[in-house]
Amino acid sequence: MRIVRRPGAFVCGIDAAMDVIGGKWKVLILWALNERTCRFGELRRAVTGVTEKVLSSHLKELEDDGIVHREVYAEVPPRVEYSLTPLGLSLNAALEPLGQWGRDHIRRDAEEARDDGCLGAEEAGVDTGVAVEAGVGAGARARSGAAPPRPWRG
């Protein structure tokens, strides 16, 4: 069982939130599950680059924190599906502004690179529709063949 810090041990709300979503892959797992309920293999494919061991441990931690629900079906072979709990959905809603900030940051950097004459619009990622559009989750990018996402965008 995971050791959960007591609420009084947190310095601030950000500290408490980072305790839940900290790590390279957790936010990407949350975004993939925001799109739909997934089995383990589907999540592994949606979150490009995560290892089975890390995915398994992060799912367990998110389940312990009440963010992810693990449903085991009594079938042969057994089937397990992961989905977001209401708390997980509220966490994703809280991450939306951070995702918007990330998209704006990507666009600004791409536009600055283009304005400096370093890159064309397509090379800079401006208005290409890949990983910059609002609401595109990790799973959609993985299925579209786009480059692996950075950890903190949504």
Protein backbone atom coordinates (compact mmCIF):
# COMPACT_ATOMS: atom_id res chain seq x y z
CA MET A 1 0.00 0.00 0.00
CA ARG A 2 1.22 3.46 -0.87
CA ILE A 3 2.11 5.81 1.97
CA VAL A 4 -0.04 8.93 1.64
CA ARG A 5 1.14 12.11 3.31
CA ARG A 6 -1.17 13.69 5.86
CA PRO A 7 -2.95 16.87 4.67
CA GLY A 8 -1.09 18.92 7.30
CA ALA A 9 2.25 17.87 5.82
CA PHE A 10 1.66 19.85 2.60
CA VAL A 11 3.11 23.32 2.22
CA CYS A 12 0.34 24.52 -0.14
CA GLY A 13 -2.29 23.30 -2.59
CA ILE A 14 0.24 22.99 -5.40
CA ASP A 15 2.33 20.73 -3.18
CA ALA A 16 -0.69 18.48 -2.56
CA ALA A 17 -1.59 18.41 -6.27
CA MET A 18 1.98 17.64 -7.32
CA ASP A 19 2.03 14.75 -4.85
CA VAL A 20 -0.80 13.20 -6.89
CA ILE A 21 0.28 14.10 -10.45
CA GLY A 22 4.04 14.30 -10.02
CA GLY A 23 6.15 12.28 -12.41
CA LYS A 24 6.73 12.29 -16.11
CA TRP A 25 3.78 10.12 -17.16
CA LYS A 26 0.84 10.64 -14.80
CA VAL A 27 -0.61 13.66 -16.57
CA LEU A 28 -0.39 11.88 -19.93
CA ILE A 29 -2.16 8.87 -18.43
CA LEU A 30 -4.90 11.18 -17.13
CA TRP A 31 -5.36 12.79 -20.55
CA ALA A 32 -5.53 9.41 -22.29
CA LEU A 33 -8.17 8.21 -19.82
CA ASN A 34 -10.06 11.48 -20.27
CA GLU A 35 -10.71 10.46 -23.88
CA ARG A 36 -12.13 7.03 -23.01
CA THR A 37 -11.94 3.99 -20.75
CA CYS A 38 -8.87 1.93 -21.66
CA ARG A 39 -7.37 -1.45 -21.07
CA PHE A 40 -3.71 -1.64 -20.02
CA GLY A 41 -2.37 -2.32 -23.53
CA GLU A 42 -4.41 0.52 -25.00
CA LEU A 43 -2.97 2.90 -22.41
CA ARG A 44 0.56 1.69 -23.11
CA ARG A 45 0.09 2.46 -26.81
CA ALA A 46 -1.62 5.81 -26.13
CA VAL A 47 1.16 7.05 -23.82
CA THR A 48 4.09 6.69 -26.18
CA GLY A 49 7.37 5.85 -24.45
CA VAL A 50 6.09 4.68 -21.06
CA THR A 51 7.32 1.28 -19.91
CA GLU A 52 4.94 -1.41 -18.62
CA LYS A 53 6.53 -1.25 -15.17
CA VAL A 54 6.13 2.53 -14.86
CA LEU A 55 2.60 2.49 -16.29
CA SER A 56 1.59 -0.24 -13.86
CA SER A 57 3.04 1.59 -10.83
CA HIS A 58 1.52 4.95 -11.86
CA LEU A 59 -1.90 3.36 -12.37
CA LYS A 60 -1.65 1.79 -8.90
CA GLU A 61 -0.70 5.14 -7.35
CA LEU A 62 -3.51 6.95 -9.16
CA GLU A 63 -5.92 4.24 -8.02
CA ASP A 64 -4.70 4.59 -4.40
CA ASP A 65 -5.25 8.36 -4.65
CA GLY A 66 -8.82 7.86 -5.88
CA ILE A 67 -8.13 9.33 -9.33
CA VAL A 68 -8.39 6.15 -11.44
CA HIS A 69 -10.94 3.34 -11.17
CA ARG A 70 -9.80 -0.20 -12.00
CA GLU A 71 -12.61 -2.50 -13.11
CA VAL A 72 -11.86 -6.24 -13.21
CA TYR A 73 -14.31 -8.37 -15.19
CA ALA A 74 -14.78 -12.01 -14.18
CA GLU A 75 -14.09 -13.46 -17.61
CA VAL A 76 -11.66 -15.94 -19.07
CA PRO A 77 -9.21 -14.48 -19.87
CA PRO A 78 -9.66 -11.74 -17.26
CA ARG A 79 -10.29 -8.24 -18.57
CA VAL A 80 -9.28 -5.08 -16.69
CA GLU A 81 -10.33 -1.56 -17.69
CA TYR A 82 -9.19 1.77 -16.30
CA SER A 83 -11.29 4.92 -16.17
CA LEU A 84 -11.30 8.22 -14.33
CA THR A 85 -13.27 8.64 -11.13
CA PRO A 86 -15.23 11.88 -10.55
CA LEU A 87 -12.16 13.10 -8.64
CA GLY A 88 -9.99 12.26 -11.67
CA LEU A 89 -12.36 14.14 -13.97
CA SER A 90 -12.17 17.18 -11.68
CA LEU A 91 -8.37 16.93 -11.70
CA ASN A 92 -8.34 16.92 -15.51
CA ALA A 93 -10.63 19.97 -15.47
CA ALA A 94 -8.14 21.69 -13.16
CA LEU A 95 -5.31 20.81 -15.57
CA GLU A 96 -7.15 22.38 -18.57
CA PRO A 97 -5.75 25.90 -17.93
CA LEU A 98 -2.24 24.44 -17.66
CA GLY A 99 -2.76 22.69 -20.98
CA GLN A 100 -3.94 25.93 -22.57
CA TRP A 101 -0.87 27.70 -21.22
CA GLY A 102 1.31 24.99 -22.76
CA ARG A 103 -0.39 25.29 -26.16
CA ASP A 104 0.05 29.08 -26.06
CA HIS A 105 3.71 28.62 -25.09
CA ILE A 106 4.29 26.22 -28.00
CA ARG A 107 2.66 28.63 -30.45
CA ARG A 108 4.64 31.60 -29.12
CA ASP A 109 7.95 29.75 -29.39
CA ALA A 110 7.08 28.53 -32.91
CA GLU A 111 6.06 32.01 -34.04
CA GLU A 112 9.23 33.53 -32.59
CA ALA A 113 11.35 30.93 -34.41
CA ARG A 114 9.51 31.67 -37.66
CA ASP A 115 9.84 35.44 -37.17
CA ASP A 116 13.57 35.02 -36.57
CA GLY A 117 13.78 33.34 -39.97
CA CYS A 118 14.86 30.02 -38.49
CA LEU A 119 11.85 27.96 -39.50
CA GLY A 120 8.90 28.05 -41.83
CA ALA A 121 5.39 27.87 -40.38
CA GLU A 122 5.09 24.15 -41.07
CA GLU A 123 8.48 23.37 -39.47
CA ALA A 124 7.64 25.57 -36.49
CA GLY A 125 4.37 23.74 -35.89
CA VAL A 126 2.20 26.81 -36.41
CA ASP A 127 -1.32 26.01 -37.61
CA THR A 128 -0.35 22.49 -38.64
CA GLY A 129 -3.02 20.92 -36.46
CA VAL A 130 -0.59 18.52 -34.77
CA ALA A 131 -0.34 18.56 -30.96
CA VAL A 132 -1.14 22.27 -30.81
CA GLU A 133 -4.90 22.23 -31.25
CA ALA A 134 -7.03 22.56 -28.13
CA GLY A 135 -8.49 19.34 -26.80
CA VAL A 136 -6.10 16.93 -28.50
CA GLY A 137 -5.13 14.26 -25.97
CA ALA A 138 -2.17 11.91 -25.88
CA GLY A 139 -4.15 9.06 -27.40
CA ALA A 140 -5.19 11.06 -30.45
CA ARG A 141 -1.60 12.15 -31.04
CA ALA A 142 -0.35 8.57 -30.74
CA ARG A 143 -2.95 7.36 -33.25
CA SER A 144 -2.18 10.24 -35.64
CA GLY A 145 1.53 9.35 -35.74
CA ALA A 146 2.57 12.69 -34.22
CA ALA A 147 5.80 13.00 -32.29
CA PRO A 148 5.74 11.85 -28.64
CA PRO A 149 4.24 14.56 -26.42
CA ARG A 150 6.02 16.56 -23.79
CA PRO A 151 4.95 15.76 -20.20
CA TRP A 152 3.22 19.04 -19.19
CA ARG A 153 0.72 19.99 -21.82
CA GLY A 154 -2.87 19.09 -22.39
